[in-house]
Amino acid sequence: MAALIPIVSMGRTTPWVTAIWESQRQAIMADAAWAGGNYAEQPERGLRAAAAALEIWVRHWDWMDREFTDNSQVIGWLDEQTAQTVKLWDANNFIYQTWAEDLHDIAQGKDYATALRRIEARTLLLPGNRDLLHPAADSRFAATHIPKAILVEIDSDQGHMASGVSKTDIDFVNATISRFLHEVFSDLVKI
């Protein structure tokens, strides 16, 4: 593998992220309609509660404080977002995906820094600098241990959504990836 480009990602799931996922799983499971996962219809109240929490974790207060001029606006926005999310989510799918993410660890329970040092590919790490779900500190740590790593933080008030909501962020990410891949491919041609 010549290149690796993790975007707003982590090499392992931290206890912080697991706690966020667990709070959302508990919201879904607290809905009587969940019925232990054997629901006839989606547990809408539980899904909406989980989606509301996720909307907050994947954003940043800087964006919310800029976007909304009063509290009633953010409540209306949150209600609209969760109504749309419930149409797209399946409760069991969400629960199992987050359980799987809880197990994510490139070190497989061993030393994380050692696992990162074993990555031979040129790596472009693109964390959001205000990501509350996957804090940029993990990418900064990874960049100090991956031998051929480049760290470029996405300066965005979109939080975890830094790579895909704002046109400015998307243009920045695309340009950064293009430059990186151009360098990687140029070096491969020289070989």
Foldseek 3Di string as FASTA:
>chain_A
DAEAEDAQDFQAADPLLLVLLVVLLVLQVVQVQCVVVPHPDRSLRSQLVSQLSVQDQQAAVVCVVVVDPDDVVVVVVSVVRSVVVSVVDHSVVSSVVSVVRNCRHQCNPDDNLVSLLPDPHQYEYEHACQARNRHCVNVVSSQVRNPRYDYDYQDDRGHSCQCPDDPVSVVVVVVVVVVVVVVSVVVVVVD
